[in-house]
Amino acid sequence: MFQMLNDLKATIPNSLISEAADTLVEREKSIDLALNVLIPTCLYGLTIKSSSHRFSQIFKTLSHRRNLGFHNQLDNFLSEDEVFFGDPREVTQRMKSDIFGKKMDEILIFISEYADIKEGSTAALVNLVCPVILNYLGNKISDENMNAAGMSVFLFSQKYDIEGTLPNDLEDLLSSVLIHPETKRQQKKPCFLFGFFDDIFKGRDN
């Protein structure tokens, strides 16, 4: 698990952290801290959605959006230019919506306060983190010939390890805003149905 987090963080070079700090007018140390929290936060959101009825859509995004040059174009995600359909930033926005929905603002506020940066800066950094995760998981799907069930199982299996890397207060916030109350009594073990996680959450997305 920690290897995956390290691999994802290594995808964002120090030069880009410095560029982000200059562009967003923030301290490099704060940018680095925010990234260290944002990566497991986005992964945690994915682990939760891996057991929901919406995961099939997320899987399509992961499996169809690999090797789009994210690694060489990460600085473009700091741009505030208009986003068009098919632009990697549009894919990133769709991924954020699929994972966090209307709860994104609450999460951004917490991370902004935690890392001592502006909310707008945190939002820009999410635009860096999402494509990194998209590319990483997209390659895993391709390399290991995974289907939606396999990726769902993989993500769900990482849930508790990811939780251990989050600040306690952030873990509590994510659980409260992303998990339907009924699921808290049911998430101890996954149920399977024809190779897929059954909808153990039974509630609807928030």
C-alpha atoms as a PDB file:
ATOM      1  CA  MET A   1       0.000   0.000   0.000  1.00  0.00           C
ATOM      2  CA  PHE A   2       2.682   2.456   0.974  1.00  0.00           C
ATOM      3  CA  GLN A   3       4.500   1.577  -2.241  1.00  0.00           C
ATOM      4  CA  MET A   4       1.468   2.675  -4.235  1.00  0.00           C
ATOM      5  CA  LEU A   5       1.339   5.990  -2.383  1.00  0.00           C
ATOM      6  CA  ASN A   6       5.074   6.486  -2.902  1.00  0.00           C
ATOM      7  CA  ASP A   7       4.754   5.672  -6.598  1.00  0.00           C
ATOM      8  CA  LEU A   8       1.934   8.179  -6.984  1.00  0.00           C
ATOM      9  CA  LYS A   9       3.799  10.915  -5.114  1.00  0.00           C
ATOM     10  CA  ALA A  10       6.954  10.257  -7.163  1.00  0.00           C
ATOM     11  CA  THR A  11       4.952  11.008 -10.308  1.00  0.00           C
ATOM     12  CA  ILE A  12       4.802  14.653  -9.221  1.00  0.00           C
ATOM     13  CA  PRO A  13       8.403  15.938  -9.435  1.00  0.00           C
ATOM     14  CA  ASN A  14       9.872  18.529  -7.084  1.00  0.00           C
ATOM     15  CA  SER A  15      10.130  20.924 -10.013  1.00  0.00           C
ATOM     16  CA  LEU A  16       6.359  20.856 -10.404  1.00  0.00           C
ATOM     17  CA  ILE A  17       5.862  21.396  -6.678  1.00  0.00           C
ATOM     18  CA  SER A  18       8.063  24.480  -6.955  1.00  0.00           C
ATOM     19  CA  GLU A  19       6.148  25.658 -10.014  1.00  0.00           C
ATOM     20  CA  ALA A  20       2.841  25.123  -8.245  1.00  0.00           C
ATOM     21  CA  ALA A  21       4.066  27.085  -5.232  1.00  0.00           C
ATOM     22  CA  ASP A  22       5.117  29.997  -7.444  1.00  0.00           C
ATOM     23  CA  THR A  23       1.946  29.942  -9.532  1.00  0.00           C
ATOM     24  CA  LEU A  24      -0.394  29.630  -6.564  1.00  0.00           C
ATOM     25  CA  VAL A  25       1.700  31.924  -4.340  1.00  0.00           C
ATOM     26  CA  GLU A  26       2.106  29.348  -1.591  1.00  0.00           C
ATOM     27  CA  ARG A  27       5.032  27.872   0.323  1.00  0.00           C
ATOM     28  CA  GLU A  28       6.567  24.744  -1.199  1.00  0.00           C
ATOM     29  CA  LYS A  29       6.355  22.994   2.172  1.00  0.00           C
ATOM     30  CA  SER A  30       2.606  23.647   2.319  1.00  0.00           C
ATOM     31  CA  ILE A  31       2.095  22.450  -1.263  1.00  0.00           C
ATOM     32  CA  ASP A  32       3.988  19.254  -0.460  1.00  0.00           C
ATOM     33  CA  LEU A  33       1.920  18.702   2.693  1.00  0.00           C
ATOM     34  CA  ALA A  34      -1.324  19.237   0.804  1.00  0.00           C
ATOM     35  CA  LEU A  35      -0.285  16.725  -1.873  1.00  0.00           C
ATOM     36  CA  ASN A  36       0.615  14.164   0.796  1.00  0.00           C
ATOM     37  CA  VAL A  37      -2.950  14.437   2.081  1.00  0.00           C
ATOM     38  CA  LEU A  38      -4.758  14.794  -1.235  1.00  0.00           C
ATOM     39  CA  ILE A  39      -3.376  11.596  -2.757  1.00  0.00           C
ATOM     40  CA  PRO A  40      -4.709   9.252  -0.030  1.00  0.00           C
ATOM     41  CA  THR A  41      -7.896  11.353   0.201  1.00  0.00           C
ATOM     42  CA  CYS A  42      -8.720  10.732  -3.468  1.00  0.00           C
ATOM     43  CA  LEU A  43      -7.765   7.070  -3.122  1.00  0.00           C
ATOM     44  CA  TYR A  44      -9.987   6.751  -0.056  1.00  0.00           C
ATOM     45  CA  GLY A  45     -12.882   8.228  -2.003  1.00  0.00           C
ATOM     46  CA  LEU A  46     -12.305   5.611  -4.691  1.00  0.00           C
ATOM     47  CA  THR A  47     -12.265   2.769  -2.160  1.00  0.00           C
ATOM     48  CA  ILE A  48     -15.654   3.883  -0.881  1.00  0.00           C
ATOM     49  CA  LYS A  49     -17.126   4.182  -4.366  1.00  0.00           C
ATOM     50  CA  SER A  50     -15.683   0.781  -5.306  1.00  0.00           C
ATOM     51  CA  SER A  51     -18.607  -0.795  -3.459  1.00  0.00           C
ATOM     52  CA  SER A  52     -21.293   1.477  -4.858  1.00  0.00           C
ATOM     53  CA  HIS A  53     -23.537   1.141  -7.900  1.00  0.00           C
ATOM     54  CA  ARG A  54     -21.694   4.106  -9.481  1.00  0.00           C
ATOM     55  CA  PHE A  55     -18.376   2.284  -9.696  1.00  0.00           C
ATOM     56  CA  SER A  56     -19.035   0.969 -13.206  1.00  0.00           C
ATOM     57  CA  GLN A  57     -18.894   4.551 -14.497  1.00  0.00           C
ATOM     58  CA  ILE A  58     -15.715   5.263 -12.556  1.00  0.00           C
ATOM     59  CA  PHE A  59     -14.157   2.083 -13.946  1.00  0.00           C
ATOM     60  CA  LYS A  60     -14.893   3.230 -17.492  1.00  0.00           C
ATOM     61  CA  THR A  61     -13.078   6.477 -16.768  1.00  0.00           C
ATOM     62  CA  LEU A  62     -10.105   4.616 -15.304  1.00  0.00           C
ATOM     63  CA  SER A  63      -9.844   2.045 -18.079  1.00  0.00           C
ATOM     64  CA  HIS A  64     -10.335   4.433 -21.013  1.00  0.00           C
ATOM     65  CA  ARG A  65      -8.193   7.302 -19.783  1.00  0.00           C
ATOM     66  CA  ARG A  66      -4.699   5.859 -19.482  1.00  0.00           C
ATOM     67  CA  ASN A  67      -1.504   7.196 -21.001  1.00  0.00           C
ATOM     68  CA  LEU A  68      -2.982  10.524 -22.028  1.00  0.00           C
ATOM     69  CA  GLY A  69       0.246  12.357 -21.376  1.00  0.00           C
ATOM     70  CA  PHE A  70      -0.742  13.356 -17.854  1.00  0.00           C
ATOM     71  CA  HIS A  71       2.827  12.875 -16.648  1.00  0.00           C
ATOM     72  CA  ASN A  72       4.178  15.388 -19.140  1.00  0.00           C
ATOM     73  CA  GLN A  73       1.287  17.823 -18.927  1.00  0.00           C
ATOM     74  CA  LEU A  74       0.643  18.103 -15.207  1.00  0.00           C
ATOM     75  CA  ASP A  75       1.447  21.806 -15.236  1.00  0.00           C
ATOM     76  CA  ASN A  76      -1.502  22.309 -17.619  1.00  0.00           C
ATOM     77  CA  PHE A  77      -3.846  21.305 -14.814  1.00  0.00           C
ATOM     78  CA  LEU A  78      -2.982  24.523 -12.976  1.00  0.00           C
ATOM     79  CA  SER A  79      -4.354  26.493 -15.910  1.00  0.00           C
ATOM     80  CA  GLU A  80      -7.631  28.364 -15.505  1.00  0.00           C
ATOM     81  CA  ASP A  81      -8.386  28.301 -19.238  1.00  0.00           C
ATOM     82  CA  GLU A  82     -11.819  27.131 -20.367  1.00  0.00           C
ATOM     83  CA  VAL A  83     -12.208  23.350 -20.255  1.00  0.00           C
ATOM     84  CA  PHE A  84     -13.613  21.548 -23.298  1.00  0.00           C
ATOM     85  CA  PHE A  85     -15.015  18.037 -23.627  1.00  0.00           C
ATOM     86  CA  GLY A  86     -12.173  15.549 -24.113  1.00  0.00           C
ATOM     87  CA  ASP A  87      -9.626  17.827 -22.468  1.00  0.00           C
ATOM     88  CA  PRO A  88      -7.792  15.844 -19.730  1.00  0.00           C
ATOM     89  CA  ARG A  89      -8.971  18.489 -17.271  1.00  0.00           C
ATOM     90  CA  GLU A  90     -12.565  17.690 -18.203  1.00  0.00           C
ATOM     91  CA  VAL A  91     -11.885  14.042 -17.394  1.00  0.00           C
ATOM     92  CA  THR A  92     -10.389  15.127 -14.080  1.00  0.00           C
ATOM     93  CA  GLN A  93     -13.452  17.197 -13.222  1.00  0.00           C
ATOM     94  CA  ARG A  94     -15.698  14.265 -14.020  1.00  0.00           C
ATOM     95  CA  MET A  95     -13.617  12.012 -11.768  1.00  0.00           C
ATOM     96  CA  LYS A  96     -13.869  14.499  -8.890  1.00  0.00           C
ATOM     97  CA  SER A  97     -17.619  14.662  -9.345  1.00  0.00           C
ATOM     98  CA  ASP A  98     -17.930  10.867  -9.456  1.00  0.00           C
ATOM     99  CA  ILE A  99     -15.942  10.447  -6.239  1.00  0.00           C
ATOM    100  CA  PHE A 100     -16.881  13.408  -4.058  1.00  0.00           C
ATOM    101  CA  GLY A 101     -19.946  14.973  -5.630  1.00  0.00           C
ATOM    102  CA  LYS A 102     -21.314  17.912  -3.676  1.00  0.00           C
ATOM    103  CA  LYS A 103     -19.039  17.127  -0.723  1.00  0.00           C
ATOM    104  CA  MET A 104     -15.921  18.379  -2.492  1.00  0.00           C
ATOM    105  CA  ASP A 105     -16.079  21.838  -0.907  1.00  0.00           C
ATOM    106  CA  GLU A 106     -16.100  20.473   2.650  1.00  0.00           C
ATOM    107  CA  ILE A 107     -13.051  18.344   1.915  1.00  0.00           C
ATOM    108  CA  LEU A 108     -11.200  21.220   0.254  1.00  0.00           C
ATOM    109  CA  ILE A 109     -11.813  23.474   3.249  1.00  0.00           C
ATOM    110  CA  PHE A 110     -10.375  20.913   5.656  1.00  0.00           C
ATOM    111  CA  ILE A 111      -7.262  20.241   3.585  1.00  0.00           C
ATOM    112  CA  SER A 112      -6.717  23.970   3.004  1.00  0.00           C
ATOM    113  CA  GLU A 113      -6.753  24.615   6.731  1.00  0.00           C
ATOM    114  CA  TYR A 114      -4.595  21.552   7.438  1.00  0.00           C
ATOM    115  CA  ALA A 115      -1.891  22.548   4.938  1.00  0.00           C
ATOM    116  CA  ASP A 116      -2.326  26.302   5.518  1.00  0.00           C
ATOM    117  CA  ILE A 117      -3.036  27.162   1.886  1.00  0.00           C
ATOM    118  CA  LYS A 118      -5.884  28.885   0.066  1.00  0.00           C
ATOM    119  CA  GLU A 119      -8.946  26.869  -0.939  1.00  0.00           C
ATOM    120  CA  GLY A 120      -8.355  27.807  -4.558  1.00  0.00           C
ATOM    121  CA  SER A 121      -4.836  26.375  -4.285  1.00  0.00           C
ATOM    122  CA  THR A 122      -6.162  23.106  -2.888  1.00  0.00           C
ATOM    123  CA  ALA A 123      -8.674  22.892  -5.728  1.00  0.00           C
ATOM    124  CA  ALA A 124      -5.857  23.370  -8.250  1.00  0.00           C
ATOM    125  CA  LEU A 125      -3.807  20.634  -6.584  1.00  0.00           C
ATOM    126  CA  VAL A 126      -6.726  18.220  -6.818  1.00  0.00           C
ATOM    127  CA  ASN A 127      -6.495  18.816 -10.560  1.00  0.00           C
ATOM    128  CA  LEU A 128      -2.933  17.511 -10.383  1.00  0.00           C
ATOM    129  CA  VAL A 129      -3.637  14.516  -8.177  1.00  0.00           C
ATOM    130  CA  CYS A 130      -6.652  13.093 -10.027  1.00  0.00           C
ATOM    131  CA  PRO A 131      -4.902  12.534 -13.377  1.00  0.00           C
ATOM    132  CA  VAL A 132      -1.925  10.953 -11.608  1.00  0.00           C
ATOM    133  CA  ILE A 133      -4.270   8.425  -9.987  1.00  0.00           C
ATOM    134  CA  LEU A 134      -6.201   7.954 -13.234  1.00  0.00           C
ATOM    135  CA  ASN A 135      -3.027   7.110 -15.106  1.00  0.00           C
ATOM    136  CA  TYR A 136      -1.668   4.818 -12.381  1.00  0.00           C
ATOM    137  CA  LEU A 137      -4.843   2.776 -11.991  1.00  0.00           C
ATOM    138  CA  GLY A 138      -5.498   2.816 -15.734  1.00  0.00           C
ATOM    139  CA  ASN A 139      -2.111   1.230 -16.326  1.00  0.00           C
ATOM    140  CA  LYS A 140      -2.788  -1.328 -13.600  1.00  0.00           C
ATOM    141  CA  ILE A 141      -6.053  -2.282 -15.281  1.00  0.00           C
ATOM    142  CA  SER A 142      -4.264  -2.735 -18.587  1.00  0.00           C
ATOM    143  CA  ASP A 143      -1.144  -4.488 -17.265  1.00  0.00           C
ATOM    144  CA  GLU A 144      -3.101  -6.959 -15.139  1.00  0.00           C
ATOM    145  CA  ASN A 145      -6.049  -7.291 -17.525  1.00  0.00           C
ATOM    146  CA  MET A 146      -8.478  -6.270 -14.777  1.00  0.00           C
ATOM    147  CA  ASN A 147     -12.215  -6.001 -15.156  1.00  0.00           C
ATOM    148  CA  ALA A 148     -14.458  -3.828 -12.992  1.00  0.00           C
ATOM    149  CA  ALA A 149     -14.803  -6.579 -10.381  1.00  0.00           C
ATOM    150  CA  GLY A 150     -11.049  -7.009 -10.085  1.00  0.00           C
ATOM    151  CA  MET A 151     -10.420  -3.284  -9.640  1.00  0.00           C
ATOM    152  CA  SER A 152     -13.297  -3.053  -7.163  1.00  0.00           C
ATOM    153  CA  VAL A 153     -11.784  -5.847  -5.071  1.00  0.00           C
ATOM    154  CA  PHE A 154      -8.324  -4.266  -5.279  1.00  0.00           C
ATOM    155  CA  LEU A 155      -9.503  -0.837  -4.159  1.00  0.00           C
ATOM    156  CA  PHE A 156     -11.696  -2.172  -1.364  1.00  0.00           C
ATOM    157  CA  SER A 157      -8.778  -4.256  -0.079  1.00  0.00           C
ATOM    158  CA  GLN A 158      -6.709  -1.075   0.324  1.00  0.00           C
ATOM    159  CA  LYS A 159      -9.340   0.852   2.294  1.00  0.00           C
ATOM    160  CA  TYR A 160      -8.067   0.351   5.827  1.00  0.00           C
ATOM    161  CA  ASP A 161      -4.433   0.885   4.884  1.00  0.00           C
ATOM    162  CA  ILE A 162      -5.339   4.174   3.229  1.00  0.00           C
ATOM    163  CA  GLU A 163      -7.321   5.233   6.275  1.00  0.00           C
ATOM    164  CA  GLY A 164      -4.159   4.820   8.349  1.00  0.00           C
ATOM    165  CA  THR A 165      -2.357   7.501   6.325  1.00  0.00           C
ATOM    166  CA  LEU A 166      -5.047  10.161   6.792  1.00  0.00           C
ATOM    167  CA  PRO A 167      -5.160  12.729   9.601  1.00  0.00           C
ATOM    168  CA  ASN A 168      -7.727  11.507  12.141  1.00  0.00           C
ATOM    169  CA  ASP A 169     -10.045  14.471  11.724  1.00  0.00           C
ATOM    170  CA  LEU A 170      -9.962  14.116   7.942  1.00  0.00           C
ATOM    171  CA  GLU A 171     -10.785  10.408   8.164  1.00  0.00           C
ATOM    172  CA  ASP A 172     -13.794  11.277  10.320  1.00  0.00           C
ATOM    173  CA  LEU A 173     -14.883  13.976   7.857  1.00  0.00           C
ATOM    174  CA  LEU A 174     -14.565  11.692   4.840  1.00  0.00           C
ATOM    175  CA  SER A 175     -16.522   8.964   6.575  1.00  0.00           C
ATOM    176  CA  SER A 176     -19.274  11.381   7.541  1.00  0.00           C
ATOM    177  CA  VAL A 177     -19.669  13.041   4.137  1.00  0.00           C
ATOM    178  CA  LEU A 178     -19.004  10.110   1.806  1.00  0.00           C
ATOM    179  CA  ILE A 179     -20.528   7.107   3.551  1.00  0.00           C
ATOM    180  CA  HIS A 180     -24.273   6.745   3.930  1.00  0.00           C
ATOM    181  CA  PRO A 181     -25.155   6.127   7.616  1.00  0.00           C
ATOM    182  CA  GLU A 182     -26.530   2.672   6.837  1.00  0.00           C
ATOM    183  CA  THR A 183     -23.240   1.550   5.333  1.00  0.00           C
ATOM    184  CA  LYS A 184     -21.291   2.116   8.529  1.00  0.00           C
ATOM    185  CA  ARG A 185     -22.987  -0.963   9.944  1.00  0.00           C
ATOM    186  CA  GLN A 186     -22.341  -3.016   6.813  1.00  0.00           C
ATOM    187  CA  GLN A 187     -18.827  -2.260   5.586  1.00  0.00           C
ATOM    188  CA  LYS A 188     -17.013  -4.888   7.656  1.00  0.00           C
ATOM    189  CA  LYS A 189     -16.928  -7.326   4.770  1.00  0.00           C
ATOM    190  CA  PRO A 190     -17.859  -7.158   1.098  1.00  0.00           C
ATOM    191  CA  CYS A 191     -20.645  -9.213  -0.436  1.00  0.00           C
ATOM    192  CA  PHE A 192     -20.166 -10.711  -3.876  1.00  0.00           C
ATOM    193  CA  LEU A 193     -22.697 -11.204  -6.639  1.00  0.00           C
ATOM    194  CA  PHE A 194     -21.523 -12.751  -9.920  1.00  0.00           C
ATOM    195  CA  GLY A 195     -17.987 -11.534  -9.271  1.00  0.00           C
ATOM    196  CA  PHE A 196     -18.977  -7.976  -8.354  1.00  0.00           C
ATOM    197  CA  PHE A 197     -19.323  -6.351  -4.984  1.00  0.00           C
ATOM    198  CA  ASP A 198     -22.944  -6.340  -4.112  1.00  0.00           C
ATOM    199  CA  ASP A 199     -24.249  -2.936  -3.216  1.00  0.00           C
ATOM    200  CA  ILE A 200     -23.414  -3.329   0.449  1.00  0.00           C
ATOM    201  CA  PHE A 201     -24.084   0.317   0.989  1.00  0.00           C
ATOM    202  CA  LYS A 202     -27.787  -0.069   0.037  1.00  0.00           C
ATOM    203  CA  GLY A 203     -28.170   3.683   0.423  1.00  0.00           C
ATOM    204  CA  ARG A 204     -27.786   6.092  -2.410  1.00  0.00           C
ATOM    205  CA  ASP A 205     -24.841   8.372  -3.094  1.00  0.00           C
ATOM    206  CA  ASN A 206     -24.973  11.537  -1.052  1.00  0.00           C
END
